[in-house]
Amino acid sequence: MSRYARISPEDAYQKMLDGPVTFVDIRDEASYTAAHICDAVHLENADIPSFIDKTDTNITLIVCCYHGNMSQSAGSWLAEKGFDEVYSLDGGFAEWASKYPDECDP
């Protein structure tokens, strides 16, 4: 059964260490290019069908936006599409970068 929940940066970091997990960044291209969580997948509306087709629905997804607001609806939607475990990153990339700057790629 698919599930969606909110997750703190600390718990997301622990899930990353425990792996496997895929971070999905839904911010605009310029923001993603400037900096993002290491190995995060940039996802825009046009990429969604391909992402859904190519991504294992059993892997944990953590959806990241700017401040943790837009990622909630995106996370809920991805859970509805059949991903088993989906989270919205509380505080978004801003919070993550303030706590884990070494886990960000420029």
PDB file of N, CA and C in Angstrom:
ATOM      1  N   MET A   1       0.840  -1.180   0.000  1.00  0.00           N
ATOM      2  CA  MET A   1       0.000   0.000   0.000  1.00  0.00           C
ATOM      3  C   MET A   1       0.885   1.243   0.000  1.00  0.00           C
ATOM      4  N   SER A   2       0.564   2.191  -0.841  1.00  0.00           N
ATOM      5  CA  SER A   2       1.328   3.427  -0.936  1.00  0.00           C
ATOM      6  C   SER A   2       1.078   4.296   0.277  1.00  0.00           C
ATOM      7  N   ARG A   3       2.132   5.036   0.641  1.00  0.00           N
ATOM      8  CA  ARG A   3       1.960   5.927   1.773  1.00  0.00           C
ATOM      9  C   ARG A   3       2.721   7.213   1.514  1.00  0.00           C
ATOM     10  N   TYR A   4       2.189   8.273   2.054  1.00  0.00           N
ATOM     11  CA  TYR A   4       2.799   9.590   1.951  1.00  0.00           C
ATOM     12  C   TYR A   4       2.826  10.202   3.348  1.00  0.00           C
ATOM     13  N   ALA A   5       3.943  10.871   3.663  1.00  0.00           N
ATOM     14  CA  ALA A   5       4.064  11.538   4.963  1.00  0.00           C
ATOM     15  C   ALA A   5       5.075  12.670   4.833  1.00  0.00           C
ATOM     16  N   ARG A   6       5.112  13.500   5.812  1.00  0.00           N
ATOM     17  CA  ARG A   6       6.138  14.539   5.894  1.00  0.00           C
ATOM     18  C   ARG A   6       7.323  13.975   6.660  1.00  0.00           C
ATOM     19  N   ILE A   7       8.522  14.494   6.359  1.00  0.00           N
ATOM     20  CA  ILE A   7       9.718  13.992   7.016  1.00  0.00           C
ATOM     21  C   ILE A   7      10.659  15.148   7.335  1.00  0.00           C
ATOM     22  N   SER A   8      11.263  15.089   8.491  1.00  0.00           N
ATOM     23  CA  SER A   8      12.226  16.123   8.882  1.00  0.00           C
ATOM     24  C   SER A   8      13.533  15.916   8.126  1.00  0.00           C
ATOM     25  N   PRO A   9      14.335  16.961   7.984  1.00  0.00           N
ATOM     26  CA  PRO A   9      15.644  16.782   7.351  1.00  0.00           C
ATOM     27  C   PRO A   9      16.500  15.737   8.068  1.00  0.00           C
ATOM     28  N   GLU A  10      16.411  15.694   9.382  1.00  0.00           N
ATOM     29  CA  GLU A  10      17.205  14.725  10.140  1.00  0.00           C
ATOM     30  C   GLU A  10      16.793  13.285   9.817  1.00  0.00           C
ATOM     31  N   ASP A  11      15.494  13.041   9.766  1.00  0.00           N
ATOM     32  CA  ASP A  11      15.024  11.694   9.435  1.00  0.00           C
ATOM     33  C   ASP A  11      15.299  11.352   7.975  1.00  0.00           C
ATOM     34  N   ALA A  12      15.209  12.349   7.102  1.00  0.00           N
ATOM     35  CA  ALA A  12      15.532  12.129   5.685  1.00  0.00           C
ATOM     36  C   ALA A  12      17.011  11.782   5.520  1.00  0.00           C
ATOM     37  N   TYR A  13      17.851  12.463   6.264  1.00  0.00           N
ATOM     38  CA  TYR A  13      19.282  12.184   6.213  1.00  0.00           C
ATOM     39  C   TYR A  13      19.550  10.751   6.671  1.00  0.00           C
ATOM     40  N   GLN A  14      18.886  10.318   7.721  1.00  0.00           N
ATOM     41  CA  GLN A  14      19.063   8.948   8.198  1.00  0.00           C
ATOM     42  C   GLN A  14      18.589   7.943   7.155  1.00  0.00           C
ATOM     43  N   LYS A  15      17.461   8.221   6.503  1.00  0.00           N
ATOM     44  CA  LYS A  15      16.983   7.338   5.432  1.00  0.00           C
ATOM     45  C   LYS A  15      17.996   7.281   4.302  1.00  0.00           C
ATOM     46  N   MET A  16      18.625   8.424   3.995  1.00  0.00           N
ATOM     47  CA  MET A  16      19.641   8.465   2.957  1.00  0.00           C
ATOM     48  C   MET A  16      20.817   7.555   3.341  1.00  0.00           C
ATOM     49  N   LEU A  17      21.223   7.606   4.589  1.00  0.00           N
ATOM     50  CA  LEU A  17      22.326   6.763   5.050  1.00  0.00           C
ATOM     51  C   LEU A  17      21.951   5.280   5.019  1.00  0.00           C
ATOM     52  N   ASP A  18      20.694   4.994   5.364  1.00  0.00           N
ATOM     53  CA  ASP A  18      20.225   3.609   5.382  1.00  0.00           C
ATOM     54  C   ASP A  18      20.000   3.071   3.974  1.00  0.00           C
ATOM     55  N   GLY A  19      19.600   3.964   3.024  1.00  0.00           N
ATOM     56  CA  GLY A  19      19.377   3.672   1.620  1.00  0.00           C
ATOM     57  C   GLY A  19      18.530   2.435   1.356  1.00  0.00           C
ATOM     58  N   PRO A  20      18.139   2.188   0.128  1.00  0.00           N
ATOM     59  CA  PRO A  20      18.203   3.177  -0.950  1.00  0.00           C
ATOM     60  C   PRO A  20      17.051   4.172  -0.867  1.00  0.00           C
ATOM     61  N   VAL A  21      17.331   5.376  -1.305  1.00  0.00           N
ATOM     62  CA  VAL A  21      16.342   6.443  -1.331  1.00  0.00           C
ATOM     63  C   VAL A  21      16.632   7.329  -2.536  1.00  0.00           C
ATOM     64  N   THR A  22      15.593   7.865  -3.126  1.00  0.00           N
ATOM     65  CA  THR A  22      15.744   8.806  -4.229  1.00  0.00           C
ATOM     66  C   THR A  22      15.145  10.138  -3.813  1.00  0.00           C
ATOM     67  N   PHE A  23      15.972  11.179  -3.868  1.00  0.00           N
ATOM     68  CA  PHE A  23      15.474  12.533  -3.651  1.00  0.00           C
ATOM     69  C   PHE A  23      14.971  13.064  -4.979  1.00  0.00           C
ATOM     70  N   VAL A  24      13.786  13.648  -4.956  1.00  0.00           N
ATOM     71  CA  VAL A  24      13.168  14.235  -6.139  1.00  0.00           C
ATOM     72  C   VAL A  24      13.038  15.726  -5.881  1.00  0.00           C
ATOM     73  N   ASP A  25      13.698  16.524  -6.704  1.00  0.00           N
ATOM     74  CA  ASP A  25      13.719  17.983  -6.549  1.00  0.00           C
ATOM     75  C   ASP A  25      12.763  18.590  -7.565  1.00  0.00           C
ATOM     76  N   ILE A  26      11.728  19.278  -7.077  1.00  0.00           N
ATOM     77  CA  ILE A  26      10.721  19.849  -7.979  1.00  0.00           C
ATOM     78  C   ILE A  26      10.865  21.357  -8.130  1.00  0.00           C
ATOM     79  N   ARG A  27      11.986  21.911  -7.679  1.00  0.00           N
ATOM     80  CA  ARG A  27      12.215  23.347  -7.865  1.00  0.00           C
ATOM     81  C   ARG A  27      12.504  23.643  -9.334  1.00  0.00           C
ATOM     82  N   ASP A  28      12.549  24.918  -9.693  1.00  0.00           N
ATOM     83  CA  ASP A  28      12.825  25.289 -11.075  1.00  0.00           C
ATOM     84  C   ASP A  28      14.250  24.893 -11.459  1.00  0.00           C
ATOM     85  N   GLU A  29      14.486  24.809 -12.756  1.00  0.00           N
ATOM     86  CA  GLU A  29      15.776  24.358 -13.299  1.00  0.00           C
ATOM     87  C   GLU A  29      16.951  25.190 -12.789  1.00  0.00           C
ATOM     88  N   ALA A  30      16.794  26.509 -12.757  1.00  0.00           N
ATOM     89  CA  ALA A  30      17.893  27.383 -12.317  1.00  0.00           C
ATOM     90  C   ALA A  30      18.257  27.122 -10.857  1.00  0.00           C
ATOM     91  N   SER A  31      17.266  26.951 -10.012  1.00  0.00           N
ATOM     92  CA  SER A  31      17.529  26.672  -8.596  1.00  0.00           C
ATOM     93  C   SER A  31      18.201  25.316  -8.428  1.00  0.00           C
ATOM     94  N   TYR A  32      17.714  24.321  -9.152  1.00  0.00           N
ATOM     95  CA  TYR A  32      18.310  22.993  -9.098  1.00  0.00           C
ATOM     96  C   TYR A  32      19.760  23.027  -9.581  1.00  0.00           C
ATOM     97  N   THR A  33      20.005  23.723 -10.672  1.00  0.00           N
ATOM     98  CA  THR A  33      21.359  23.814 -11.229  1.00  0.00           C
ATOM     99  C   THR A  33      22.303  24.525 -10.259  1.00  0.00           C
ATOM    100  N   ALA A  34      21.813  25.528  -9.568  1.00  0.00           N
ATOM    101  CA  ALA A  34      22.645  26.285  -8.628  1.00  0.00           C
ATOM    102  C   ALA A  34      23.086  25.408  -7.456  1.00  0.00           C
ATOM    103  N   ALA A  35      22.195  24.573  -6.948  1.00  0.00           N
ATOM    104  CA  ALA A  35      22.514  23.665  -5.844  1.00  0.00           C
ATOM    105  C   ALA A  35      21.346  22.718  -5.616  1.00  0.00           C
ATOM    106  N   HIS A  36      21.667  21.495  -5.259  1.00  0.00           N
ATOM    107  CA  HIS A  36      20.641  20.496  -4.966  1.00  0.00           C
ATOM    108  C   HIS A  36      21.220  19.410  -4.065  1.00  0.00           C
ATOM    109  N   ILE A  37      20.353  18.616  -3.492  1.00  0.00           N
ATOM    110  CA  ILE A  37      20.783  17.485  -2.675  1.00  0.00           C
ATOM    111  C   ILE A  37      21.533  16.516  -3.577  1.00  0.00           C
ATOM    112  N   CYS A  38      22.649  16.001  -3.067  1.00  0.00           N
ATOM    113  CA  CYS A  38      23.479  15.083  -3.856  1.00  0.00           C
ATOM    114  C   CYS A  38      22.637  13.979  -4.495  1.00  0.00           C
ATOM    115  N   ASP A  39      22.825  13.807  -5.787  1.00  0.00           N
ATOM    116  CA  ASP A  39      22.158  12.764  -6.574  1.00  0.00           C
ATOM    117  C   ASP A  39      20.649  12.935  -6.697  1.00  0.00           C
ATOM    118  N   ALA A  40      20.120  14.093  -6.328  1.00  0.00           N
ATOM    119  CA  ALA A  40      18.681  14.325  -6.480  1.00  0.00           C
ATOM    120  C   ALA A  40      18.298  14.340  -7.954  1.00  0.00           C
ATOM    121  N   VAL A  41      17.126  13.815  -8.230  1.00  0.00           N
ATOM    122  CA  VAL A  41      16.570  13.820  -9.582  1.00  0.00           C
ATOM    123  C   VAL A  41      15.745  15.086  -9.732  1.00  0.00           C
ATOM    124  N   HIS A  42      16.034  15.867 -10.765  1.00  0.00           N
ATOM    125  CA  HIS A  42      15.227  17.049 -11.030  1.00  0.00           C
ATOM    126  C   HIS A  42      13.995  16.616 -11.811  1.00  0.00           C
ATOM    127  N   LEU A  43      12.834  16.981 -11.320  1.00  0.00           N
ATOM    128  CA  LEU A  43      11.587  16.548 -11.937  1.00  0.00           C
ATOM    129  C   LEU A  43      10.712  17.751 -12.251  1.00  0.00           C
ATOM    130  N   GLU A  44      10.405  17.894 -13.534  1.00  0.00           N
ATOM    131  CA  GLU A  44       9.471  18.921 -13.995  1.00  0.00           C
ATOM    132  C   GLU A  44       8.255  18.218 -14.578  1.00  0.00           C
ATOM    133  N   ASN A  45       7.192  18.948 -14.796  1.00  0.00           N
ATOM    134  CA  ASN A  45       5.950  18.362 -15.294  1.00  0.00           C
ATOM    135  C   ASN A  45       6.158  17.506 -16.540  1.00  0.00           C
ATOM    136  N   ALA A  46       6.969  17.964 -17.467  1.00  0.00           N
ATOM    137  CA  ALA A  46       7.183  17.233 -18.714  1.00  0.00           C
ATOM    138  C   ALA A  46       7.900  15.901 -18.486  1.00  0.00           C
ATOM    139  N   ASP A  47       8.642  15.781 -17.395  1.00  0.00           N
ATOM    140  CA  ASP A  47       9.426  14.581 -17.114  1.00  0.00           C
ATOM    141  C   ASP A  47       8.663  13.524 -16.325  1.00  0.00           C
ATOM    142  N   ILE A  48       7.508  13.865 -15.820  1.00  0.00           N
ATOM    143  CA  ILE A  48       6.784  12.975 -14.914  1.00  0.00           C
ATOM    144  C   ILE A  48       6.451  11.617 -15.537  1.00  0.00           C
ATOM    145  N   PRO A  49       5.876  11.555 -16.744  1.00  0.00           N
ATOM    146  CA  PRO A  49       5.554  10.220 -17.291  1.00  0.00           C
ATOM    147  C   PRO A  49       6.774   9.313 -17.417  1.00  0.00           C
ATOM    148  N   SER A  50       7.872   9.845 -17.880  1.00  0.00           N
ATOM    149  CA  SER A  50       9.096   9.057 -18.008  1.00  0.00           C
ATOM    150  C   SER A  50       9.614   8.625 -16.641  1.00  0.00           C
ATOM    151  N   PHE A  51       9.594   9.530 -15.677  1.00  0.00           N
ATOM    152  CA  PHE A  51      10.045   9.213 -14.331  1.00  0.00           C
ATOM    153  C   PHE A  51       9.229   8.069 -13.744  1.00  0.00           C
ATOM    154  N   ILE A  52       7.913   8.134 -13.885  1.00  0.00           N
ATOM    155  CA  ILE A  52       7.042   7.099 -13.348  1.00  0.00           C
ATOM    156  C   ILE A  52       7.314   5.758 -14.029  1.00  0.00           C
ATOM    157  N   ASP A  53       7.507   5.774 -15.340  1.00  0.00           N
ATOM    158  CA  ASP A  53       7.759   4.540 -16.080  1.00  0.00           C
ATOM    159  C   ASP A  53       9.095   3.897 -15.723  1.00  0.00           C
ATOM    160  N   LYS A  54      10.112   4.712 -15.455  1.00  0.00           N
ATOM    161  CA  LYS A  54      11.472   4.207 -15.273  1.00  0.00           C
ATOM    162  C   LYS A  54      11.882   3.993 -13.819  1.00  0.00           C
ATOM    163  N   THR A  55      11.083   4.429 -12.873  1.00  0.00           N
ATOM    164  CA  THR A  55      11.485   4.386 -11.475  1.00  0.00           C
ATOM    165  C   THR A  55      10.792   3.251 -10.743  1.00  0.00           C
ATOM    166  N   ASP A  56      11.566   2.493  -9.994  1.00  0.00           N
ATOM    167  CA  ASP A  56      11.056   1.398  -9.185  1.00  0.00           C
ATOM    168  C   ASP A  56      10.112   1.961  -8.120  1.00  0.00           C
ATOM    169  N   THR A  57       8.889   1.504  -8.112  1.00  0.00           N
ATOM    170  CA  THR A  57       7.908   2.025  -7.160  1.00  0.00           C
ATOM    171  C   THR A  57       8.162   1.554  -5.734  1.00  0.00           C
ATOM    172  N   ASN A  58       9.091   0.614  -5.555  1.00  0.00           N
ATOM    173  CA  ASN A  58       9.422   0.124  -4.215  1.00  0.00           C
ATOM    174  C   ASN A  58      10.467   0.972  -3.515  1.00  0.00           C
ATOM    175  N   ILE A  59      11.131   1.863  -4.254  1.00  0.00           N
ATOM    176  CA  ILE A  59      12.176   2.689  -3.649  1.00  0.00           C
ATOM    177  C   ILE A  59      11.537   3.862  -2.898  1.00  0.00           C
ATOM    178  N   THR A  60      12.155   4.265  -1.828  1.00  0.00           N
ATOM    179  CA  THR A  60      11.679   5.401  -1.050  1.00  0.00           C
ATOM    180  C   THR A  60      11.958   6.691  -1.802  1.00  0.00           C
ATOM    181  N   LEU A  61      10.933   7.540  -1.939  1.00  0.00           N
ATOM    182  CA  LEU A  61      11.086   8.854  -2.565  1.00  0.00           C
ATOM    183  C   LEU A  61      10.965   9.928  -1.491  1.00  0.00           C
ATOM    184  N   ILE A  62      11.856  10.919  -1.562  1.00  0.00           N
ATOM    185  CA  ILE A  62      11.745  12.099  -0.717  1.00  0.00           C
ATOM    186  C   ILE A  62      11.677  13.298  -1.642  1.00  0.00           C
ATOM    187  N   VAL A  63      10.543  13.972  -1.632  1.00  0.00           N
ATOM    188  CA  VAL A  63      10.300  15.087  -2.543  1.00  0.00           C
ATOM    189  C   VAL A  63      10.716  16.385  -1.862  1.00  0.00           C
ATOM    190  N   CYS A  64      11.468  17.181  -2.609  1.00  0.00           N
ATOM    191  CA  CYS A  64      12.035  18.427  -2.095  1.00  0.00           C
ATOM    192  C   CYS A  64      11.611  19.591  -2.981  1.00  0.00           C
ATOM    193  N   CYS A  65      11.179  20.668  -2.338  1.00  0.00           N
ATOM    194  CA  CYS A  65      10.904  21.916  -3.049  1.00  0.00           C
ATOM    195  C   CYS A  65      11.713  23.012  -2.354  1.00  0.00           C
ATOM    196  N   TYR A  66      11.274  24.246  -2.426  1.00  0.00           N
ATOM    197  CA  TYR A  66      12.011  25.350  -1.803  1.00  0.00           C
ATOM    198  C   TYR A  66      11.935  25.315  -0.282  1.00  0.00           C
ATOM    199  N   HIS A  67      10.701  25.260   0.251  1.00  0.00           N
ATOM    200  CA  HIS A  67      10.503  25.370   1.699  1.00  0.00           C
ATOM    201  C   HIS A  67       9.600  24.281   2.277  1.00  0.00           C
ATOM    202  N   GLY A  68       9.259  23.279   1.508  1.00  0.00           N
ATOM    203  CA  GLY A  68       8.468  22.163   2.015  1.00  0.00           C
ATOM    204  C   GLY A  68       6.976  22.290   1.840  1.00  0.00           C
ATOM    205  N   ASN A  69       6.523  23.220   1.022  1.00  0.00           N
ATOM    206  CA  ASN A  69       5.081  23.380   0.811  1.00  0.00           C
ATOM    207  C   ASN A  69       4.599  22.656  -0.444  1.00  0.00           C
ATOM    208  N   MET A  70       5.174  22.982  -1.583  1.00  0.00           N
ATOM    209  CA  MET A  70       4.764  22.353  -2.843  1.00  0.00           C
ATOM    210  C   MET A  70       5.065  20.859  -2.860  1.00  0.00           C
ATOM    211  N   SER A  71       6.087  20.449  -2.144  1.00  0.00           N
ATOM    212  CA  SER A  71       6.462  19.035  -2.134  1.00  0.00           C
ATOM    213  C   SER A  71       5.395  18.169  -1.455  1.00  0.00           C
ATOM    214  N   GLN A  72       4.565  18.766  -0.618  1.00  0.00           N
ATOM    215  CA  GLN A  72       3.512  17.986   0.032  1.00  0.00           C
ATOM    216  C   GLN A  72       2.493  17.484  -0.983  1.00  0.00           C
ATOM    217  N   SER A  73       2.038  18.363  -1.855  1.00  0.00           N
ATOM    218  CA  SER A  73       1.061  17.910  -2.860  1.00  0.00           C
ATOM    219  C   SER A  73       1.728  16.995  -3.884  1.00  0.00           C
ATOM    220  N   ALA A  74       2.970  17.273  -4.241  1.00  0.00           N
ATOM    221  CA  ALA A  74       3.685  16.404  -5.187  1.00  0.00           C
ATOM    222  C   ALA A  74       3.914  15.025  -4.578  1.00  0.00           C
ATOM    223  N   GLY A  75       4.274  14.982  -3.305  1.00  0.00           N
ATOM    224  CA  GLY A  75       4.481  13.711  -2.635  1.00  0.00           C
ATOM    225  C   GLY A  75       3.206  12.892  -2.545  1.00  0.00           C
ATOM    226  N   SER A  76       2.130  13.543  -2.199  1.00  0.00           N
ATOM    227  CA  SER A  76       0.832  12.871  -2.131  1.00  0.00           C
ATOM    228  C   SER A  76       0.449  12.314  -3.495  1.00  0.00           C
ATOM    229  N   TRP A  77       0.658  13.084  -4.529  1.00  0.00           N
ATOM    230  CA  TRP A  77       0.326  12.663  -5.892  1.00  0.00           C
ATOM    231  C   TRP A  77       1.161  11.460  -6.315  1.00  0.00           C
ATOM    232  N   LEU A  78       2.474  11.486  -6.025  1.00  0.00           N
ATOM    233  CA  LEU A  78       3.339  10.360  -6.382  1.00  0.00           C
ATOM    234  C   LEU A  78       2.932   9.100  -5.627  1.00  0.00           C
ATOM    235  N   ALA A  79       2.503   9.241  -4.386  1.00  0.00           N
ATOM    236  CA  ALA A  79       2.013   8.080  -3.642  1.00  0.00           C
ATOM    237  C   ALA A  79       0.766   7.512  -4.311  1.00  0.00           C
ATOM    238  N   GLU A  80      -0.098   8.386  -4.783  1.00  0.00           N
ATOM    239  CA  GLU A  80      -1.308   7.938  -5.487  1.00  0.00           C
ATOM    240  C   GLU A  80      -0.968   7.212  -6.779  1.00  0.00           C
ATOM    241  N   LYS A  81       0.186   7.512  -7.362  1.00  0.00           N
ATOM    242  CA  LYS A  81       0.621   6.874  -8.611  1.00  0.00           C
ATOM    243  C   LYS A  81       1.283   5.525  -8.362  1.00  0.00           C
ATOM    244  N   GLY A  82       1.352   5.111  -7.102  1.00  0.00           N
ATOM    245  CA  GLY A  82       1.801   3.760  -6.818  1.00  0.00           C
ATOM    246  C   GLY A  82       3.153   3.617  -6.154  1.00  0.00           C
ATOM    247  N   PHE A  83       3.831   4.714  -5.851  1.00  0.00           N
ATOM    248  CA  PHE A  83       5.092   4.606  -5.130  1.00  0.00           C
ATOM    249  C   PHE A  83       4.779   4.228  -3.684  1.00  0.00           C
ATOM    250  N   ASP A  84       5.504   3.241  -3.171  1.00  0.00           N
ATOM    251  CA  ASP A  84       5.183   2.662  -1.874  1.00  0.00           C
ATOM    252  C   ASP A  84       5.418   3.594  -0.696  1.00  0.00           C
ATOM    253  N   GLU A  85       6.516   4.319  -0.730  1.00  0.00           N
ATOM    254  CA  GLU A  85       6.903   5.143   0.417  1.00  0.00           C
ATOM    255  C   GLU A  85       7.382   6.499  -0.099  1.00  0.00           C
ATOM    256  N   VAL A  86       6.587   7.533   0.143  1.00  0.00           N
ATOM    257  CA  VAL A  86       6.875   8.867  -0.373  1.00  0.00           C
ATOM    258  C   VAL A  86       6.807   9.865   0.780  1.00  0.00           C
ATOM    259  N   TYR A  87       7.792  10.757   0.809  1.00  0.00           N
ATOM    260  CA  TYR A  87       7.855  11.783   1.845  1.00  0.00           C
ATOM    261  C   TYR A  87       8.005  13.160   1.221  1.00  0.00           C
ATOM    262  N   SER A  88       7.506  14.155   1.922  1.00  0.00           N
ATOM    263  CA  SER A  88       7.751  15.557   1.612  1.00  0.00           C
ATOM    264  C   SER A  88       8.764  16.062   2.626  1.00  0.00           C
ATOM    265  N   LEU A  89       9.844  16.657   2.151  1.00  0.00           N
ATOM    266  CA  LEU A  89      10.908  17.138   3.023  1.00  0.00           C
ATOM    267  C   LEU A  89      10.489  18.435   3.707  1.00  0.00           C
ATOM    268  N   ASP A  90      10.257  18.376   5.017  1.00  0.00           N
ATOM    269  CA  ASP A  90       9.894  19.566   5.782  1.00  0.00           C
ATOM    270  C   ASP A  90      11.007  20.611   5.693  1.00  0.00           C
ATOM    271  N   GLY A  91      10.626  21.834   5.417  1.00  0.00           N
ATOM    272  CA  GLY A  91      11.599  22.915   5.296  1.00  0.00           C
ATOM    273  C   GLY A  91      12.265  22.982   3.937  1.00  0.00           C
ATOM    274  N   GLY A  92      12.032  21.982   3.096  1.00  0.00           N
ATOM    275  CA  GLY A  92      12.549  21.969   1.735  1.00  0.00           C
ATOM    276  C   GLY A  92      14.067  22.043   1.640  1.00  0.00           C
ATOM    277  N   PHE A  93      14.514  22.439   0.451  1.00  0.00           N
ATOM    278  CA  PHE A  93      15.952  22.516   0.216  1.00  0.00           C
ATOM    279  C   PHE A  93      16.610  23.539   1.123  1.00  0.00           C
ATOM    280  N   ALA A  94      15.921  24.624   1.420  1.00  0.00           N
ATOM    281  CA  ALA A  94      16.498  25.662   2.282  1.00  0.00           C
ATOM    282  C   ALA A  94      16.898  25.085   3.636  1.00  0.00           C
ATOM    283  N   GLU A  95      16.028  24.311   4.222  1.00  0.00           N
ATOM    284  CA  GLU A  95      16.315  23.710   5.530  1.00  0.00           C
ATOM    285  C   GLU A  95      17.414  22.655   5.410  1.00  0.00           C
ATOM    286  N   TRP A  96      17.324  21.829   4.375  1.00  0.00           N
ATOM    287  CA  TRP A  96      18.344  20.796   4.158  1.00  0.00           C
ATOM    288  C   TRP A  96      19.731  21.423   4.015  1.00  0.00           C
ATOM    289  N   ALA A  97      19.839  22.441   3.177  1.00  0.00           N
ATOM    290  CA  ALA A  97      21.136  23.073   2.910  1.00  0.00           C
ATOM    291  C   ALA A  97      21.709  23.735   4.160  1.00  0.00           C
ATOM    292  N   SER A  98      20.831  24.219   5.035  1.00  0.00           N
ATOM    293  CA  SER A  98      21.330  24.842   6.259  1.00  0.00           C
ATOM    294  C   SER A  98      21.866  23.795   7.246  1.00  0.00           C
ATOM    295  N   LYS A  99      21.343  22.581   7.182  1.00  0.00           N
ATOM    296  CA  LYS A  99      21.757  21.520   8.103  1.00  0.00           C
ATOM    297  C   LYS A  99      22.839  20.615   7.515  1.00  0.00           C
ATOM    298  N   TYR A 100      22.787  20.393   6.202  1.00  0.00           N
ATOM    299  CA  TYR A 100      23.689  19.446   5.559  1.00  0.00           C
ATOM    300  C   TYR A 100      24.327  20.047   4.296  1.00  0.00           C
ATOM    301  N   PRO A 101      25.067  21.135   4.452  1.00  0.00           N
ATOM    302  CA  PRO A 101      25.650  21.787   3.260  1.00  0.00           C
ATOM    303  C   PRO A 101      26.603  20.892   2.493  1.00  0.00           C
ATOM    304  N   ASP A 102      27.242  19.935   3.158  1.00  0.00           N
ATOM    305  CA  ASP A 102      28.165  19.037   2.473  1.00  0.00           C
ATOM    306  C   ASP A 102      27.448  17.984   1.652  1.00  0.00           C
ATOM    307  N   GLU A 103      26.123  17.879   1.793  1.00  0.00           N
ATOM    308  CA  GLU A 103      25.338  16.924   1.020  1.00  0.00           C
ATOM    309  C   GLU A 103      24.629  17.601  -0.145  1.00  0.00           C
ATOM    310  N   CYS A 104      25.170  18.739  -0.580  1.00  0.00           N
ATOM    311  CA  CYS A 104      24.588  19.499  -1.690  1.00  0.00           C
ATOM    312  C   CYS A 104      25.600  19.613  -2.824  1.00  0.00           C
ATOM    313  N   ASP A 105      25.118  19.380  -4.047  1.00  0.00           N
ATOM    314  CA  ASP A 105      25.954  19.541  -5.230  1.00  0.00           C
ATOM    315  C   ASP A 105      25.638  20.879  -5.893  1.00  0.00           C
ATOM    316  N   PRO A 106      26.674  21.572  -6.327  1.00  0.00           N
ATOM    317  CA  PRO A 106      26.414  22.800  -7.100  1.00  0.00           C
ATOM    318  C   PRO A 106      26.079  22.465  -8.535  1.00  0.00           C
TER     319      PRO A 106
END
